[in-house]
Amino acid sequence: MNINRYKNLISHTYLFNSFSPNEISSLFKAEYYKIENYPKNSVIYLQNQICNTIDILLDGKISIQKIDENGDILTIATFDSGDIIGGSLAFSNNNEYPMTVIATSKSTLLHIKKDLILDLCQNNRNFLTKFLETLSGKALILTDKIRFISMKSIRDKIIEFLTYEYHIQGSTTIKLNISKKELAERFGVQRPSLFRELRKMKEENLIDYDSKHIIILDKSIFKKP
């Protein structure tokens, strides 16, 4: 698949937004990249598979997931169009994917060989700065996720989520931008377990909820450890 079809999109991604679409066409010689399509629910990378490329999601949505011994799916991170995958792994001494990468919708990925990234880092200071910034950002997300999933109870995770969204949305009525199923995966629990805890919190008059919102009725939950 030819890079010219996606050159406008690539030139608007954070990593490549200092390059014009025509410069993108010149940079991406055939030996430096591959564009592949993935059906919904297909595995892009298996756990322990070697990471040899830095990838840009051109279209669709993908997730990094782990299934534990109880069958619970833990979604570590989700990626949308324009996001970069594998940047911190490709140049690591241990460059195996620690978890499985799944296409959660029909997706198109641009696989970039390390040679091109190295050339750009050596010859373009602006690109190097942006590449390092993307690595730092992903590391912070991972650190936050590990801290989040280390909490002991589902209630702790719900309260942490509501506290964050309360400050971001500025309202006690939290609009859910993801489904309850996706929220359960983010917490690393099964959906029935999440619903049981939400129901308990509703019975205790701490929250109310519907299919699209969670309403905080008692802000004292923010003070609980």
Protein backbone atom coordinates (compact mmCIF):
# COMPACT_ATOMS: atom_id res chain seq x y z
CA MET A 1 0.00 0.00 0.00
CA ASN A 2 1.45 3.38 -1.05
CA ILE A 3 2.35 6.02 1.52
CA ASN A 4 0.82 8.80 -0.61
CA ARG A 5 -2.67 7.69 0.37
CA TYR A 6 -1.91 8.59 4.00
CA LYS A 7 0.67 11.38 3.67
CA ASN A 8 -1.80 14.11 4.74
CA LEU A 9 -2.81 12.18 7.85
CA ILE A 10 0.81 11.36 8.77
CA SER A 11 1.83 15.01 8.41
CA HIS A 12 -0.79 15.89 11.05
CA THR A 13 0.44 13.39 13.64
CA TYR A 14 2.46 14.87 16.51
CA LEU A 15 5.65 13.06 15.52
CA PHE A 16 5.60 14.17 11.88
CA ASN A 17 3.73 17.47 11.97
CA SER A 18 6.86 19.46 11.10
CA PHE A 19 6.93 17.74 7.70
CA SER A 20 4.72 18.65 4.76
CA PRO A 21 2.75 15.93 2.92
CA ASN A 22 5.25 16.09 0.06
CA GLU A 23 8.16 15.70 2.48
CA ILE A 24 6.41 12.66 3.95
CA SER A 25 6.33 11.10 0.49
CA SER A 26 10.07 11.68 0.12
CA LEU A 27 10.94 10.38 3.59
CA PHE A 28 9.02 7.13 3.36
CA LYS A 29 10.88 5.13 0.76
CA ALA A 30 9.49 1.66 0.11
CA GLU A 31 12.21 -0.12 2.09
CA TYR A 32 11.41 1.91 5.23
CA TYR A 33 7.76 1.06 5.83
CA LYS A 34 4.81 -1.29 5.41
CA ILE A 35 1.09 -0.54 5.69
CA GLU A 36 -1.20 -3.34 6.84
CA ASN A 37 -4.92 -3.72 7.51
CA TYR A 38 -6.25 -5.67 10.52
CA PRO A 39 -9.85 -6.92 10.96
CA LYS A 40 -11.71 -6.20 14.19
CA ASN A 41 -10.63 -8.45 17.12
CA SER A 42 -7.53 -9.68 15.29
CA VAL A 43 -4.21 -10.04 17.12
CA ILE A 44 -1.60 -7.57 15.89
CA TYR A 45 1.16 -8.66 18.25
CA LEU A 46 1.23 -11.62 20.60
CA GLN A 47 2.73 -11.40 24.06
CA ASN A 48 6.51 -12.00 23.83
CA GLN A 49 6.58 -11.24 20.10
CA ILE A 50 9.64 -9.23 19.05
CA CYS A 51 9.05 -5.53 18.34
CA ASN A 52 11.04 -4.51 15.27
CA THR A 53 9.09 -1.45 14.12
CA ILE A 54 7.59 1.78 15.40
CA ASP A 55 3.94 1.88 14.37
CA ILE A 56 1.46 4.67 13.69
CA LEU A 57 -2.24 3.88 13.82
CA LEU A 58 -3.62 5.36 10.61
CA ASP A 59 -7.20 4.30 11.16
CA GLY A 60 -9.23 2.36 13.75
CA LYS A 61 -8.65 1.57 17.40
CA ILE A 62 -6.34 -0.90 19.13
CA SER A 63 -5.74 -1.97 22.73
CA ILE A 64 -2.93 -3.48 24.76
CA GLN A 65 -4.53 -6.25 26.83
CA LYS A 66 -3.63 -8.91 29.34
CA ILE A 67 -5.79 -11.88 30.34
CA ASP A 68 -5.17 -13.15 33.87
CA GLU A 69 -5.62 -16.63 35.29
CA ASN A 70 -9.29 -15.88 36.11
CA GLY A 71 -10.07 -14.88 32.55
CA ASP A 72 -10.34 -11.17 33.37
CA ILE A 73 -9.24 -8.85 30.58
CA LEU A 74 -7.10 -5.94 31.71
CA THR A 75 -6.83 -3.14 29.15
CA ILE A 76 -3.53 -1.39 29.77
CA ALA A 77 -3.90 1.24 27.07
CA THR A 78 -6.00 2.12 24.05
CA PHE A 79 -4.83 3.87 20.89
CA ASP A 80 -6.69 5.93 18.29
CA SER A 81 -5.84 7.26 14.85
CA GLY A 82 -2.50 9.09 14.87
CA ASP A 83 -1.15 7.37 17.99
CA ILE A 84 2.31 5.77 18.09
CA ILE A 85 2.93 2.20 19.25
CA GLY A 86 6.18 0.43 20.03
CA GLY A 87 8.41 3.48 20.33
CA SER A 88 9.86 2.52 23.69
CA LEU A 89 10.18 -1.18 22.83
CA ALA A 90 11.83 -1.12 19.42
CA PHE A 91 15.15 0.21 20.75
CA SER A 92 15.11 -1.75 24.01
CA ASN A 93 17.50 -4.61 24.76
CA ASN A 94 14.42 -6.60 25.72
CA ASN A 95 12.19 -5.72 22.80
CA GLU A 96 9.41 -8.25 23.34
CA TYR A 97 5.81 -7.12 23.67
CA PRO A 98 4.91 -7.71 27.35
CA MET A 99 1.22 -8.05 26.48
CA THR A 100 -1.05 -8.75 23.52
CA VAL A 101 -1.98 -5.99 21.07
CA ILE A 102 -5.52 -6.34 19.70
CA ALA A 103 -7.40 -4.47 16.97
CA THR A 104 -10.63 -3.50 18.74
CA SER A 105 -12.02 -2.19 15.45
CA LYS A 106 -11.01 -2.53 11.81
CA SER A 107 -7.59 -0.87 11.81
CA THR A 108 -4.76 0.21 9.54
CA LEU A 109 -1.18 0.41 10.85
CA LEU A 110 1.91 2.02 9.40
CA HIS A 111 4.94 -0.08 10.40
CA ILE A 112 8.10 2.06 10.30
CA LYS A 113 11.53 0.45 10.33
CA LYS A 114 13.99 1.61 12.97
CA ASP A 115 16.47 2.80 10.34
CA LEU A 116 14.19 5.67 9.32
CA ILE A 117 13.59 6.72 12.94
CA LEU A 118 17.35 6.68 13.63
CA ASP A 119 18.08 8.75 10.53
CA LEU A 120 15.48 11.35 11.50
CA CYS A 121 16.70 11.51 15.11
CA GLN A 122 20.27 12.07 13.95
CA ASN A 123 19.43 14.69 11.34
CA ASN A 124 16.41 16.52 12.72
CA ARG A 125 16.56 17.93 16.26
CA ASN A 126 12.87 18.82 16.26
CA PHE A 127 11.92 15.24 15.38
CA LEU A 128 14.26 13.88 18.07
CA THR A 129 12.63 16.11 20.70
CA LYS A 130 9.14 14.98 19.72
CA PHE A 131 10.15 11.33 19.67
CA LEU A 132 11.60 11.58 23.19
CA GLU A 133 8.46 13.39 24.36
CA THR A 134 6.23 10.58 23.06
CA LEU A 135 8.38 7.99 24.87
CA SER A 136 8.16 9.97 28.12
CA GLY A 137 4.40 10.35 27.79
CA LYS A 138 3.86 6.62 27.28
CA ALA A 139 6.08 5.85 30.29
CA LEU A 140 3.98 8.14 32.49
CA ILE A 141 0.76 6.49 31.29
CA LEU A 142 2.16 3.06 32.10
CA THR A 143 3.34 4.17 35.54
CA ASP A 144 -0.08 5.61 36.32
CA LYS A 145 -1.79 2.46 35.10
CA ILE A 146 0.39 0.20 37.27
CA ARG A 147 -0.36 2.38 40.31
CA PHE A 148 -4.06 2.29 39.46
CA ILE A 149 -4.37 -1.50 39.10
CA SER A 150 -2.36 -2.10 42.28
CA MET A 151 -5.27 -0.77 44.37
CA LYS A 152 -6.95 -3.49 46.42
CA SER A 153 -10.67 -3.09 45.73
CA ILE A 154 -13.02 -2.37 42.87
CA ARG A 155 -14.46 0.49 44.92
CA ASP A 156 -11.02 2.08 45.17
CA LYS A 157 -10.75 1.96 41.39
CA ILE A 158 -14.23 3.43 40.89
CA ILE A 159 -13.48 6.27 43.32
CA GLU A 160 -10.13 6.98 41.66
CA PHE A 161 -11.84 7.10 38.26
CA LEU A 162 -14.65 9.38 39.54
CA THR A 163 -12.17 11.69 41.28
CA TYR A 164 -10.19 12.13 38.07
CA GLU A 165 -13.27 12.68 35.90
CA TYR A 166 -14.82 15.06 38.45
CA HIS A 167 -11.81 17.37 38.19
CA ILE A 168 -11.57 17.02 34.40
CA GLN A 169 -15.29 17.48 33.67
CA GLY A 170 -15.94 19.95 36.50
CA SER A 171 -19.24 18.33 37.40
CA THR A 172 -20.67 15.74 39.78
CA THR A 173 -22.49 14.26 36.78
CA ILE A 174 -19.76 12.26 35.06
CA LYS A 175 -20.38 11.61 31.39
CA LEU A 176 -19.04 8.20 30.37
CA ASN A 177 -17.13 8.26 27.10
CA ILE A 178 -16.62 4.50 27.22
CA SER A 179 -18.99 1.60 27.80
CA LYS A 180 -19.33 -0.19 31.14
CA LYS A 181 -17.65 -3.20 29.49
CA GLU A 182 -14.65 -1.05 28.52
CA LEU A 183 -14.61 0.47 32.00
CA ALA A 184 -14.48 -3.01 33.55
CA GLU A 185 -11.57 -3.91 31.25
CA ARG A 186 -9.79 -0.72 32.25
CA PHE A 187 -10.18 -1.75 35.90
CA GLY A 188 -9.05 -5.30 35.13
CA VAL A 189 -12.26 -6.86 36.48
CA GLN A 190 -15.24 -8.71 35.04
CA ARG A 191 -18.28 -6.64 34.14
CA PRO A 192 -20.63 -8.32 36.69
CA SER A 193 -18.15 -7.46 39.47
CA LEU A 194 -18.17 -3.81 38.41
CA PHE A 195 -21.98 -3.70 38.30
CA ARG A 196 -22.24 -5.29 41.77
CA GLU A 197 -20.01 -2.62 43.28
CA LEU A 198 -21.80 0.20 41.46
CA ARG A 199 -25.11 -1.17 42.75
CA LYS A 200 -23.76 -1.28 46.34
CA MET A 201 -22.56 2.31 46.07
CA LYS A 202 -25.98 3.34 44.74
CA GLU A 203 -27.72 1.57 47.65
CA GLU A 204 -25.45 3.48 50.04
CA ASN A 205 -26.56 6.75 48.33
CA LEU A 206 -22.99 7.51 47.28
CA ILE A 207 -23.73 7.55 43.55
CA ASP A 208 -26.49 7.10 41.01
CA TYR A 209 -26.02 6.03 37.41
CA ASP A 210 -27.59 5.30 34.05
CA SER A 211 -26.21 3.94 30.80
CA LYS A 212 -24.27 7.13 29.98
CA HIS A 213 -23.56 8.80 33.32
CA ILE A 214 -22.45 8.28 36.90
CA ILE A 215 -23.79 10.93 39.30
CA ILE A 216 -21.78 11.60 42.46
CA LEU A 217 -24.29 12.09 45.29
CA ASP A 218 -21.83 12.21 48.19
CA LYS A 219 -18.50 13.93 47.56
CA SER A 220 -17.12 12.54 50.82
CA ILE A 221 -16.10 9.46 48.79
CA PHE A 222 -13.14 11.52 47.57
CA LYS A 223 -11.76 11.58 51.11
CA LYS A 224 -11.71 7.80 51.46
CA PRO A 225 -8.29 6.07 51.06
